[in-house]
Amino acid sequence: DKLYNWIKEMIRAKKFPSFDGWNFAADHITINTGRAQDKGLLYKKVEV
């Protein structure tokens, strides 16, 4: 929600195009493809 609101702000401020007709992703950061390389990290809460 915070990210979507920020995107709307950036569009309003003309720092982003309108993205009309685009697909929204905005839900994750890929660490690596496939299974976790470090199983100890799984389910850890992280701030970015």
ModelCIF file with pLDDT and N, C-alpha, C, O atoms, coordinates in Angstrom:
data_MODEL
#
_entry.id   MODEL 
#
_entity.id                         1 
_entity.type                       polymer 
_entity.pdbx_number_of_molecules   1 
#
_entity_poly.entity_id                      1 
_entity_poly.type                           'polypeptide(L)' 
_entity_poly.nstd_linkage                   no 
_entity_poly.nstd_monomer                   no 
_entity_poly.pdbx_seq_one_letter_code       DKLYNWIKEMIRAKKFPSFDGWNFAADHITINTGRAQDKGLLYKKVEV 
_entity_poly.pdbx_seq_one_letter_code_can   DKLYNWIKEMIRAKKFPSFDGWNFAADHITINTGRAQDKGLLYKKVEV 
_entity_poly.pdbx_strand_id                 A 
#
loop_
_entity_poly_seq.entity_id 
_entity_poly_seq.num 
_entity_poly_seq.mon_id 
_entity_poly_seq.hetero 
1 1  ASP n 
1 2  LYS n 
1 3  LEU n 
1 4  TYR n 
1 5  ASN n 
1 6  TRP n 
1 7  ILE n 
1 8  LYS n 
1 9  GLU n 
1 10 MET n 
1 11 ILE n 
1 12 ARG n 
1 13 ALA n 
1 14 LYS n 
1 15 LYS n 
1 16 PHE n 
1 17 PRO n 
1 18 SER n 
1 19 PHE n 
1 20 ASP n 
1 21 GLY n 
1 22 TRP n 
1 23 ASN n 
1 24 PHE n 
1 25 ALA n 
1 26 ALA n 
1 27 ASP n 
1 28 HIS n 
1 29 ILE n 
1 30 THR n 
1 31 ILE n 
1 32 ASN n 
1 33 THR n 
1 34 GLY n 
1 35 ARG n 
1 36 ALA n 
1 37 GLN n 
1 38 ASP n 
1 39 LYS n 
1 40 GLY n 
1 41 LEU n 
1 42 LEU n 
1 43 TYR n 
1 44 LYS n 
1 45 LYS n 
1 46 VAL n 
1 47 GLU n 
1 48 VAL n 
#
_struct_asym.id          A 
_struct_asym.entity_id   1 
#
loop_
_ma_qa_metric.id 
_ma_qa_metric.mode 
_ma_qa_metric.name 
_ma_qa_metric.software_group_id 
_ma_qa_metric.type 
1 global pLDDT . pLDDT 
2 local  pLDDT . pLDDT 
#
_ma_qa_metric_global.metric_id      1 
_ma_qa_metric_global.metric_value   94.85 
_ma_qa_metric_global.model_id       1 
_ma_qa_metric_global.ordinal_id     1 
#
loop_
_ma_qa_metric_local.label_asym_id 
_ma_qa_metric_local.label_comp_id 
_ma_qa_metric_local.label_seq_id 
_ma_qa_metric_local.metric_id 
_ma_qa_metric_local.metric_value 
_ma_qa_metric_local.model_id 
_ma_qa_metric_local.ordinal_id 
A ASP 1  2 97.00 1 1  
A LYS 2  2 97.00 1 2  
A LEU 3  2 97.00 1 3  
A TYR 4  2 95.00 1 4  
A ASN 5  2 96.00 1 5  
A TRP 6  2 97.00 1 6  
A ILE 7  2 96.00 1 7  
A LYS 8  2 96.00 1 8  
A GLU 9  2 96.00 1 9  
A MET 10 2 97.00 1 10 
A ILE 11 2 96.00 1 11 
A ARG 12 2 97.00 1 12 
A ALA 13 2 96.00 1 13 
A LYS 14 2 96.00 1 14 
A LYS 15 2 95.00 1 15 
A PHE 16 2 95.00 1 16 
A PRO 17 2 92.00 1 17 
A SER 18 2 93.00 1 18 
A PHE 19 2 94.00 1 19 
A ASP 20 2 94.00 1 20 
A GLY 21 2 95.00 1 21 
A TRP 22 2 97.00 1 22 
A ASN 23 2 96.00 1 23 
A PHE 24 2 94.00 1 24 
A ALA 25 2 94.00 1 25 
A ALA 26 2 95.00 1 26 
A ASP 27 2 96.00 1 27 
A HIS 28 2 97.00 1 28 
A ILE 29 2 96.00 1 29 
A THR 30 2 95.00 1 30 
A ILE 31 2 95.00 1 31 
A ASN 32 2 94.00 1 32 
A THR 33 2 93.00 1 33 
A GLY 34 2 95.00 1 34 
A ARG 35 2 95.00 1 35 
A ALA 36 2 95.00 1 36 
A GLN 37 2 93.00 1 37 
A ASP 38 2 91.00 1 38 
A LYS 39 2 94.00 1 39 
A GLY 40 2 91.00 1 40 
A LEU 41 2 92.00 1 41 
A LEU 42 2 95.00 1 42 
A TYR 43 2 95.00 1 43 
A LYS 44 2 93.00 1 44 
A LYS 45 2 93.00 1 45 
A VAL 46 2 93.00 1 46 
A GLU 47 2 94.00 1 47 
A VAL 48 2 95.00 1 48 
#
loop_
_atom_site.group_PDB 
_atom_site.id 
_atom_site.type_symbol 
_atom_site.label_atom_id 
_atom_site.label_alt_id 
_atom_site.label_comp_id 
_atom_site.label_asym_id 
_atom_site.label_entity_id 
_atom_site.label_seq_id 
_atom_site.pdbx_PDB_ins_code 
_atom_site.Cartn_x 
_atom_site.Cartn_y 
_atom_site.Cartn_z 
_atom_site.occupancy 
_atom_site.B_iso_or_equiv 
_atom_site.pdbx_formal_charge 
_atom_site.auth_seq_id 
_atom_site.auth_comp_id 
_atom_site.auth_asym_id 
_atom_site.auth_atom_id 
_atom_site.pdbx_PDB_model_num 
ATOM 1   N N  . ASP A 1 1  ? 0.835  -1.209  0.000   1.00 97.00 ? 1  ASP A N  1 
ATOM 2   C CA . ASP A 1 1  ? 0.000  0.000   0.000   1.00 97.00 ? 1  ASP A CA 1 
ATOM 3   C C  . ASP A 1 1  ? 0.868  1.257   0.000   1.00 97.00 ? 1  ASP A C  1 
ATOM 4   O O  . ASP A 1 1  ? 0.607  2.203   -0.743  1.00 97.00 ? 1  ASP A O  1 
ATOM 5   N N  . LYS A 1 2  ? 1.903  1.255   0.843   1.00 97.00 ? 2  LYS A N  1 
ATOM 6   C CA . LYS A 1 2  ? 2.816  2.392   0.929   1.00 97.00 ? 2  LYS A CA 1 
ATOM 7   C C  . LYS A 1 2  ? 3.472  2.644   -0.436  1.00 97.00 ? 2  LYS A C  1 
ATOM 8   O O  . LYS A 1 2  ? 3.612  3.787   -0.870  1.00 97.00 ? 2  LYS A O  1 
ATOM 9   N N  . LEU A 1 3  ? 3.868  1.561   -1.095  1.00 97.00 ? 3  LEU A N  1 
ATOM 10  C CA . LEU A 1 3  ? 4.528  1.663   -2.394  1.00 97.00 ? 3  LEU A CA 1 
ATOM 11  C C  . LEU A 1 3  ? 3.574  2.185   -3.470  1.00 97.00 ? 3  LEU A C  1 
ATOM 12  O O  . LEU A 1 3  ? 3.956  3.039   -4.269  1.00 97.00 ? 3  LEU A O  1 
ATOM 13  N N  . TYR A 1 4  ? 2.346  1.685   -3.499  1.00 95.00 ? 4  TYR A N  1 
ATOM 14  C CA . TYR A 1 4  ? 1.354  2.173   -4.476  1.00 95.00 ? 4  TYR A CA 1 
ATOM 15  C C  . TYR A 1 4  ? 1.061  3.658   -4.260  1.00 95.00 ? 4  TYR A C  1 
ATOM 16  O O  . TYR A 1 4  ? 0.935  4.415   -5.223  1.00 95.00 ? 4  TYR A O  1 
ATOM 17  N N  . ASN A 1 5  ? 0.955  4.073   -3.001  1.00 96.00 ? 5  ASN A N  1 
ATOM 18  C CA . ASN A 1 5  ? 0.716  5.489   -2.714  1.00 96.00 ? 5  ASN A CA 1 
ATOM 19  C C  . ASN A 1 5  ? 1.896  6.345   -3.160  1.00 96.00 ? 5  ASN A C  1 
ATOM 20  O O  . ASN A 1 5  ? 1.712  7.447   -3.677  1.00 96.00 ? 5  ASN A O  1 
ATOM 21  N N  . TRP A 1 6  ? 3.107  5.833   -2.958  1.00 97.00 ? 6  TRP A N  1 
ATOM 22  C CA . TRP A 1 6  ? 4.310  6.546   -3.389  1.00 97.00 ? 6  TRP A CA 1 
ATOM 23  C C  . TRP A 1 6  ? 4.334  6.678   -4.923  1.00 97.00 ? 6  TRP A C  1 
ATOM 24  O O  . TRP A 1 6  ? 4.674  7.734   -5.456  1.00 97.00 ? 6  TRP A O  1 
ATOM 25  N N  . ILE A 1 7  ? 3.973  5.603   -5.617  1.00 96.00 ? 7  ILE A N  1 
ATOM 26  C CA . ILE A 1 7  ? 3.928  5.637   -7.086  1.00 96.00 ? 7  ILE A CA 1 
ATOM 27  C C  . ILE A 1 7  ? 2.945  6.714   -7.545  1.00 96.00 ? 7  ILE A C  1 
ATOM 28  O O  . ILE A 1 7  ? 3.242  7.487   -8.456  1.00 96.00 ? 7  ILE A O  1 
ATOM 29  N N  . LYS A 1 8  ? 1.764  6.760   -6.904  1.00 96.00 ? 8  LYS A N  1 
ATOM 30  C CA . LYS A 1 8  ? 0.762  7.786   -7.261  1.00 96.00 ? 8  LYS A CA 1 
ATOM 31  C C  . LYS A 1 8  ? 1.314  9.193   -7.049  1.00 96.00 ? 8  LYS A C  1 
ATOM 32  O O  . LYS A 1 8  ? 1.108  10.084  -7.874  1.00 96.00 ? 8  LYS A O  1 
ATOM 33  N N  . GLU A 1 9  ? 2.028  9.384   -5.916  1.00 96.00 ? 9  GLU A N  1 
ATOM 34  C CA . GLU A 1 9  ? 2.655  10.682  -5.635  1.00 96.00 ? 9  GLU A CA 1 
ATOM 35  C C  . GLU A 1 9  ? 3.658  11.053  -6.730  1.00 96.00 ? 9  GLU A C  1 
ATOM 36  O O  . GLU A 1 9  ? 3.698  12.194  -7.192  1.00 96.00 ? 9  GLU A O  1 
ATOM 37  N N  . MET A 1 10 ? 4.471  10.065  -7.138  1.00 97.00 ? 10 MET A N  1 
ATOM 38  C CA . MET A 1 10 ? 5.503  10.299  -8.157  1.00 97.00 ? 10 MET A CA 1 
ATOM 39  C C  . MET A 1 10 ? 4.864  10.640  -9.511  1.00 97.00 ? 10 MET A C  1 
ATOM 40  O O  . MET A 1 10 ? 5.405  11.446  -10.268 1.00 97.00 ? 10 MET A O  1 
ATOM 41  N N  . ILE A 1 11 ? 3.730  10.033  -9.808  1.00 96.00 ? 11 ILE A N  1 
ATOM 42  C CA . ILE A 1 11 ? 3.011  10.339  -11.053 1.00 96.00 ? 11 ILE A CA 1 
ATOM 43  C C  . ILE A 1 11 ? 2.457  11.767  -10.972 1.00 96.00 ? 11 ILE A C  1 
ATOM 44  O O  . ILE A 1 11 ? 2.571  12.546  -11.919 1.00 96.00 ? 11 ILE A O  1 
ATOM 45  N N  . ARG A 1 12 ? 1.856  12.094  -9.820  1.00 97.00 ? 12 ARG A N  1 
ATOM 46  C CA . ARG A 1 12 ? 1.316  13.453  -9.612  1.00 97.00 ? 12 ARG A CA 1 
ATOM 47  C C  . ARG A 1 12 ? 2.414  14.514  -9.742  1.00 97.00 ? 12 ARG A C  1 
ATOM 48  O O  . ARG A 1 12 ? 2.191  15.593  -10.290 1.00 97.00 ? 12 ARG A O  1 
ATOM 49  N N  . ALA A 1 13 ? 3.605  14.184  -9.224  1.00 96.00 ? 13 ALA A N  1 
ATOM 50  C CA . ALA A 1 13 ? 4.741  15.123  -9.259  1.00 96.00 ? 13 ALA A CA 1 
ATOM 51  C C  . ALA A 1 13 ? 5.449  15.106  -10.618 1.00 96.00 ? 13 ALA A C  1 
ATOM 52  O O  . ALA A 1 13 ? 6.463  15.780  -10.805 1.00 96.00 ? 13 ALA A O  1 
ATOM 53  N N  . LYS A 1 14 ? 4.917  14.343  -11.548 1.00 96.00 ? 14 LYS A N  1 
ATOM 54  C CA . LYS A 1 14 ? 5.465  14.223  -12.911 1.00 96.00 ? 14 LYS A CA 1 
ATOM 55  C C  . LYS A 1 14 ? 6.879  13.634  -12.941 1.00 96.00 ? 14 LYS A C  1 
ATOM 56  O O  . LYS A 1 14 ? 7.650  13.899  -13.864 1.00 96.00 ? 14 LYS A O  1 
ATOM 57  N N  . LYS A 1 15 ? 7.213  12.828  -11.915 1.00 95.00 ? 15 LYS A N  1 
ATOM 58  C CA . LYS A 1 15 ? 8.509  12.144  -11.893 1.00 95.00 ? 15 LYS A CA 1 
ATOM 59  C C  . LYS A 1 15 ? 8.389  10.752  -12.523 1.00 95.00 ? 15 LYS A C  1 
ATOM 60  O O  . LYS A 1 15 ? 9.397  10.133  -12.864 1.00 95.00 ? 15 LYS A O  1 
ATOM 61  N N  . PHE A 1 16 ? 7.162  10.265  -12.673 1.00 95.00 ? 16 PHE A N  1 
ATOM 62  C CA . PHE A 1 16 ? 6.862  9.009   -13.355 1.00 95.00 ? 16 PHE A CA 1 
ATOM 63  C C  . PHE A 1 16 ? 5.830  9.297   -14.440 1.00 95.00 ? 16 PHE A C  1 
ATOM 64  O O  . PHE A 1 16 ? 5.028  10.221  -14.304 1.00 95.00 ? 16 PHE A O  1 
ATOM 65  N N  . PRO A 1 17 ? 5.847  8.507   -15.524 1.00 92.00 ? 17 PRO A N  1 
ATOM 66  C CA . PRO A 1 17 ? 4.748  8.602   -16.489 1.00 92.00 ? 17 PRO A CA 1 
ATOM 67  C C  . PRO A 1 17 ? 3.481  8.012   -15.852 1.00 92.00 ? 17 PRO A C  1 
ATOM 68  O O  . PRO A 1 17 ? 3.544  7.498   -14.736 1.00 92.00 ? 17 PRO A O  1 
ATOM 69  N N  . SER A 1 18 ? 2.357  8.076   -16.525 1.00 93.00 ? 18 SER A N  1 
ATOM 70  C CA . SER A 1 18 ? 1.100  7.635   -15.917 1.00 93.00 ? 18 SER A CA 1 
ATOM 71  C C  . SER A 1 18 ? 0.966  6.116   -15.777 1.00 93.00 ? 18 SER A C  1 
ATOM 72  O O  . SER A 1 18 ? 0.170  5.639   -14.969 1.00 93.00 ? 18 SER A O  1 
ATOM 73  N N  . PHE A 1 19 ? 1.731  5.363   -16.548 1.00 94.00 ? 19 PHE A N  1 
ATOM 74  C CA . PHE A 1 19 ? 1.653  3.889   -16.537 1.00 94.00 ? 19 PHE A CA 1 
ATOM 75  C C  . PHE A 1 19 ? 0.297  3.363   -16.977 1.00 94.00 ? 19 PHE A C  1 
ATOM 76  O O  . PHE A 1 19 ? -0.070 2.243   -16.622 1.00 94.00 ? 19 PHE A O  1 
ATOM 77  N N  . ASP A 1 20 ? -0.456 4.148   -17.742 1.00 94.00 ? 20 ASP A N  1 
ATOM 78  C CA . ASP A 1 20 ? -1.760 3.692   -18.239 1.00 94.00 ? 20 ASP A CA 1 
ATOM 79  C C  . ASP A 1 20 ? -1.592 2.425   -19.062 1.00 94.00 ? 20 ASP A C  1 
ATOM 80  O O  . ASP A 1 20 ? -0.782 2.374   -19.988 1.00 94.00 ? 20 ASP A O  1 
ATOM 81  N N  . GLY A 1 21 ? -2.371 1.398   -18.711 1.00 95.00 ? 21 GLY A N  1 
ATOM 82  C CA . GLY A 1 21 ? -2.336 0.140   -19.449 1.00 95.00 ? 21 GLY A CA 1 
ATOM 83  C C  . GLY A 1 21 ? -1.176 -0.770  -19.080 1.00 95.00 ? 21 GLY A C  1 
ATOM 84  O O  . GLY A 1 21 ? -1.049 -1.858  -19.643 1.00 95.00 ? 21 GLY A O  1 
ATOM 85  N N  . TRP A 1 22 ? -0.336 -0.355  -18.156 1.00 97.00 ? 22 TRP A N  1 
ATOM 86  C CA . TRP A 1 22 ? 0.802  -1.182  -17.743 1.00 97.00 ? 22 TRP A CA 1 
ATOM 87  C C  . TRP A 1 22 ? 0.353  -2.210  -16.711 1.00 97.00 ? 22 TRP A C  1 
ATOM 88  O O  . TRP A 1 22 ? -0.667 -2.029  -16.046 1.00 97.00 ? 22 TRP A O  1 
ATOM 89  N N  . ASN A 1 23 ? 1.122  -3.291  -16.585 1.00 96.00 ? 23 ASN A N  1 
ATOM 90  C CA . ASN A 1 23 ? 0.897  -4.287  -15.536 1.00 96.00 ? 23 ASN A CA 1 
ATOM 91  C C  . ASN A 1 23 ? 1.693  -3.854  -14.307 1.00 96.00 ? 23 ASN A C  1 
ATOM 92  O O  . ASN A 1 23 ? 2.860  -3.474  -14.410 1.00 96.00 ? 23 ASN A O  1 
ATOM 93  N N  . PHE A 1 24 ? 1.048  -3.916  -13.149 1.00 94.00 ? 24 PHE A N  1 
ATOM 94  C CA . PHE A 1 24 ? 1.763  -3.599  -11.919 1.00 94.00 ? 24 PHE A CA 1 
ATOM 95  C C  . PHE A 1 24 ? 2.311  -4.876  -11.304 1.00 94.00 ? 24 PHE A C  1 
ATOM 96  O O  . PHE A 1 24 ? 1.641  -5.909  -11.284 1.00 94.00 ? 24 PHE A O  1 
ATOM 97  N N  . ALA A 1 25 ? 3.542  -4.792  -10.801 1.00 94.00 ? 25 ALA A N  1 
ATOM 98  C CA . ALA A 1 25 ? 4.178  -5.915  -10.114 1.00 94.00 ? 25 ALA A CA 1 
ATOM 99  C C  . ALA A 1 25 ? 4.300  -5.484  -8.647  1.00 94.00 ? 25 ALA A C  1 
ATOM 100 O O  . ALA A 1 25 ? 3.435  -5.798  -7.828  1.00 94.00 ? 25 ALA A O  1 
ATOM 101 N N  . ALA A 1 26 ? 5.370  -4.771  -8.327  1.00 95.00 ? 26 ALA A N  1 
ATOM 102 C CA . ALA A 1 26 ? 5.555  -4.089  -7.030  1.00 95.00 ? 26 ALA A CA 1 
ATOM 103 C C  . ALA A 1 26 ? 5.238  -4.940  -5.809  1.00 95.00 ? 26 ALA A C  1 
ATOM 104 O O  . ALA A 1 26 ? 4.561  -4.477  -4.891  1.00 95.00 ? 26 ALA A O  1 
ATOM 105 N N  . ASP A 1 27 ? 5.722  -6.185  -5.787  1.00 96.00 ? 27 ASP A N  1 
ATOM 106 C CA . ASP A 1 27 ? 5.404  -7.007  -4.615  1.00 96.00 ? 27 ASP A CA 1 
ATOM 107 C C  . ASP A 1 27 ? 6.590  -7.769  -4.022  1.00 96.00 ? 27 ASP A C  1 
ATOM 108 O O  . ASP A 1 27 ? 6.452  -8.372  -2.958  1.00 96.00 ? 27 ASP A O  1 
ATOM 109 N N  . HIS A 1 28 ? 7.766  -7.756  -4.690  1.00 97.00 ? 28 HIS A N  1 
ATOM 110 C CA . HIS A 1 28 ? 8.893  -8.515  -4.131  1.00 97.00 ? 28 HIS A CA 1 
ATOM 111 C C  . HIS A 1 28 ? 10.237 -8.032  -4.675  1.00 97.00 ? 28 HIS A C  1 
ATOM 112 O O  . HIS A 1 28 ? 10.310 -7.315  -5.673  1.00 97.00 ? 28 HIS A O  1 
ATOM 113 N N  . ILE A 1 29 ? 11.301 -8.454  -3.979  1.00 96.00 ? 29 ILE A N  1 
ATOM 114 C CA . ILE A 1 29 ? 12.672 -8.267  -4.433  1.00 96.00 ? 29 ILE A CA 1 
ATOM 115 C C  . ILE A 1 29 ? 13.250 -9.669  -4.593  1.00 96.00 ? 29 ILE A C  1 
ATOM 116 O O  . ILE A 1 29 ? 13.276 -10.432 -3.628  1.00 96.00 ? 29 ILE A O  1 
ATOM 117 N N  . THR A 1 30 ? 13.704 -10.018 -5.768  1.00 95.00 ? 30 THR A N  1 
ATOM 118 C CA . THR A 1 30 ? 14.298 -11.338 -5.978  1.00 95.00 ? 30 THR A CA 1 
ATOM 119 C C  . THR A 1 30 ? 15.685 -11.372 -5.337  1.00 95.00 ? 30 THR A C  1 
ATOM 120 O O  . THR A 1 30 ? 16.510 -10.485 -5.557  1.00 95.00 ? 30 THR A O  1 
ATOM 121 N N  . ILE A 1 31 ? 15.921 -12.415 -4.541  1.00 95.00 ? 31 ILE A N  1 
ATOM 122 C CA . ILE A 1 31 ? 17.266 -12.641 -3.989  1.00 95.00 ? 31 ILE A CA 1 
ATOM 123 C C  . ILE A 1 31 ? 18.033 -13.529 -4.963  1.00 95.00 ? 31 ILE A C  1 
ATOM 124 O O  . ILE A 1 31 ? 19.160 -13.220 -5.350  1.00 95.00 ? 31 ILE A O  1 
ATOM 125 N N  . ASN A 1 32 ? 17.405 -14.633 -5.351  1.00 94.00 ? 32 ASN A N  1 
ATOM 126 C CA . ASN A 1 32 ? 17.991 -15.519 -6.357  1.00 94.00 ? 32 ASN A CA 1 
ATOM 127 C C  . ASN A 1 32 ? 16.885 -16.347 -7.005  1.00 94.00 ? 32 ASN A C  1 
ATOM 128 O O  . ASN A 1 32 ? 15.803 -16.501 -6.438  1.00 94.00 ? 32 ASN A O  1 
ATOM 129 N N  . THR A 1 33 ? 17.159 -16.873 -8.186  1.00 93.00 ? 33 THR A N  1 
ATOM 130 C CA . THR A 1 33 ? 16.173 -17.744 -8.813  1.00 93.00 ? 33 THR A CA 1 
ATOM 131 C C  . THR A 1 33 ? 16.253 -19.115 -8.142  1.00 93.00 ? 33 THR A C  1 
ATOM 132 O O  . THR A 1 33 ? 17.301 -19.512 -7.631  1.00 93.00 ? 33 THR A O  1 
ATOM 133 N N  . GLY A 1 34 ? 15.136 -19.823 -8.153  1.00 95.00 ? 34 GLY A N  1 
ATOM 134 C CA . GLY A 1 34 ? 15.089 -21.155 -7.542  1.00 95.00 ? 34 GLY A CA 1 
ATOM 135 C C  . GLY A 1 34 ? 15.002 -21.110 -6.027  1.00 95.00 ? 34 GLY A C  1 
ATOM 136 O O  . GLY A 1 34 ? 14.628 -20.104 -5.426  1.00 95.00 ? 34 GLY A O  1 
ATOM 137 N N  . ARG A 1 35 ? 15.366 -22.251 -5.431  1.00 95.00 ? 35 ARG A N  1 
ATOM 138 C CA . ARG A 1 35 ? 15.289 -22.394 -3.969  1.00 95.00 ? 35 ARG A CA 1 
ATOM 139 C C  . ARG A 1 35 ? 16.279 -21.483 -3.248  1.00 95.00 ? 35 ARG A C  1 
ATOM 140 O O  . ARG A 1 35 ? 17.251 -21.008 -3.836  1.00 95.00 ? 35 ARG A O  1 
ATOM 141 N N  . ALA A 1 36 ? 16.014 -21.250 -1.968  1.00 95.00 ? 36 ALA A N  1 
ATOM 142 C CA . ALA A 1 36 ? 16.892 -20.407 -1.148  1.00 95.00 ? 36 ALA A CA 1 
ATOM 143 C C  . ALA A 1 36 ? 18.286 -21.004 -1.091  1.00 95.00 ? 36 ALA A C  1 
ATOM 144 O O  . ALA A 1 36 ? 18.453 -22.191 -0.812  1.00 95.00 ? 36 ALA A O  1 
ATOM 145 N N  . GLN A 1 37 ? 19.291 -20.170 -1.358  1.00 93.00 ? 37 GLN A N  1 
ATOM 146 C CA . GLN A 1 37 ? 20.678 -20.639 -1.250  1.00 93.00 ? 37 GLN A CA 1 
ATOM 147 C C  . GLN A 1 37 ? 21.101 -20.688 0.208   1.00 93.00 ? 37 GLN A C  1 
ATOM 148 O O  . GLN A 1 37 ? 21.992 -21.454 0.578   1.00 93.00 ? 37 GLN A O  1 
ATOM 149 N N  . ASP A 1 38 ? 20.456 -19.862 1.042   1.00 91.00 ? 38 ASP A N  1 
ATOM 150 C CA . ASP A 1 38 ? 20.721 -19.855 2.470   1.00 91.00 ? 38 ASP A CA 1 
ATOM 151 C C  . ASP A 1 38 ? 19.388 -20.100 3.183   1.00 91.00 ? 38 ASP A C  1 
ATOM 152 O O  . ASP A 1 38 ? 18.606 -19.175 3.407   1.00 91.00 ? 38 ASP A O  1 
ATOM 153 N N  . LYS A 1 39 ? 19.149 -21.369 3.534   1.00 94.00 ? 39 LYS A N  1 
ATOM 154 C CA . LYS A 1 39 ? 17.871 -21.745 4.166   1.00 94.00 ? 39 LYS A CA 1 
ATOM 155 C C  . LYS A 1 39 ? 17.647 -21.012 5.487   1.00 94.00 ? 39 LYS A C  1 
ATOM 156 O O  . LYS A 1 39 ? 16.504 -20.851 5.916   1.00 94.00 ? 39 LYS A O  1 
ATOM 157 N N  . GLY A 1 40 ? 18.723 -20.566 6.136   1.00 91.00 ? 40 GLY A N  1 
ATOM 158 C CA . GLY A 1 40 ? 18.618 -19.859 7.409   1.00 91.00 ? 40 GLY A CA 1 
ATOM 159 C C  . GLY A 1 40 ? 17.908 -18.513 7.278   1.00 91.00 ? 40 GLY A C  1 
ATOM 160 O O  . GLY A 1 40 ? 17.428 -17.963 8.269   1.00 91.00 ? 40 GLY A O  1 
ATOM 161 N N  . LEU A 1 41 ? 17.842 -17.984 6.057   1.00 92.00 ? 41 LEU A N  1 
ATOM 162 C CA . LEU A 1 41 ? 17.184 -16.693 5.849   1.00 92.00 ? 41 LEU A CA 1 
ATOM 163 C C  . LEU A 1 41 ? 15.668 -16.819 5.722   1.00 92.00 ? 41 LEU A C  1 
ATOM 164 O O  . LEU A 1 41 ? 14.943 -15.846 5.927   1.00 92.00 ? 41 LEU A O  1 
ATOM 165 N N  . LEU A 1 42 ? 15.190 -18.018 5.383   1.00 95.00 ? 42 LEU A N  1 
ATOM 166 C CA . LEU A 1 42 ? 13.755 -18.193 5.134   1.00 95.00 ? 42 LEU A CA 1 
ATOM 167 C C  . LEU A 1 42 ? 12.910 -17.740 6.326   1.00 95.00 ? 42 LEU A C  1 
ATOM 168 O O  . LEU A 1 42 ? 13.211 -18.042 7.481   1.00 95.00 ? 42 LEU A O  1 
ATOM 169 N N  . TYR A 1 43 ? 11.861 -17.017 6.008   1.00 95.00 ? 43 TYR A N  1 
ATOM 170 C CA . TYR A 1 43 ? 10.853 -16.519 6.952   1.00 95.00 ? 43 TYR A CA 1 
ATOM 171 C C  . TYR A 1 43 ? 11.364 -15.409 7.866   1.00 95.00 ? 43 TYR A C  1 
ATOM 172 O O  . TYR A 1 43 ? 10.674 -15.017 8.807   1.00 95.00 ? 43 TYR A O  1 
ATOM 173 N N  . LYS A 1 44 ? 12.572 -14.898 7.597   1.00 93.00 ? 44 LYS A N  1 
ATOM 174 C CA . LYS A 1 44 ? 13.053 -13.745 8.358   1.00 93.00 ? 44 LYS A CA 1 
ATOM 175 C C  . LYS A 1 44 ? 12.332 -12.495 7.860   1.00 93.00 ? 44 LYS A C  1 
ATOM 176 O O  . LYS A 1 44 ? 12.085 -12.335 6.664   1.00 93.00 ? 44 LYS A O  1 
ATOM 177 N N  . LYS A 1 45 ? 12.006 -11.630 8.790   1.00 93.00 ? 45 LYS A N  1 
ATOM 178 C CA . LYS A 1 45 ? 11.411 -10.328 8.453   1.00 93.00 ? 45 LYS A CA 1 
ATOM 179 C C  . LYS A 1 45 ? 12.565 -9.394  8.117   1.00 93.00 ? 45 LYS A C  1 
ATOM 180 O O  . LYS A 1 45 ? 13.578 -9.352  8.815   1.00 93.00 ? 45 LYS A O  1 
ATOM 181 N N  . VAL A 1 46 ? 12.389 -8.657  7.047   1.00 93.00 ? 46 VAL A N  1 
ATOM 182 C CA . VAL A 1 46 ? 13.458 -7.781  6.575   1.00 93.00 ? 46 VAL A CA 1 
ATOM 183 C C  . VAL A 1 46 ? 12.899 -6.400  6.251   1.00 93.00 ? 46 VAL A C  1 
ATOM 184 O O  . VAL A 1 46 ? 11.777 -6.267  5.763   1.00 93.00 ? 46 VAL A O  1 
ATOM 185 N N  . GLU A 1 47 ? 13.696 -5.383  6.528   1.00 94.00 ? 47 GLU A N  1 
ATOM 186 C CA . GLU A 1 47 ? 13.365 -4.027  6.100   1.00 94.00 ? 47 GLU A CA 1 
ATOM 187 C C  . GLU A 1 47 ? 14.284 -3.675  4.945   1.00 94.00 ? 47 GLU A C  1 
ATOM 188 O O  . GLU A 1 47 ? 15.462 -4.032  4.946   1.00 94.00 ? 47 GLU A O  1 
ATOM 189 N N  . VAL A 1 48 ? 13.742 -2.978  3.963   1.00 95.00 ? 48 VAL A N  1 
ATOM 190 C CA . VAL A 1 48 ? 14.572 -2.492  2.863   1.00 95.00 ? 48 VAL A CA 1 
ATOM 191 C C  . VAL A 1 48 ? 14.326 -0.995  2.708   1.00 95.00 ? 48 VAL A C  1 
ATOM 192 O O  . VAL A 1 48 ? 14.918 -0.359  1.837   1.00 95.00 ? 48 VAL A O  1 
#
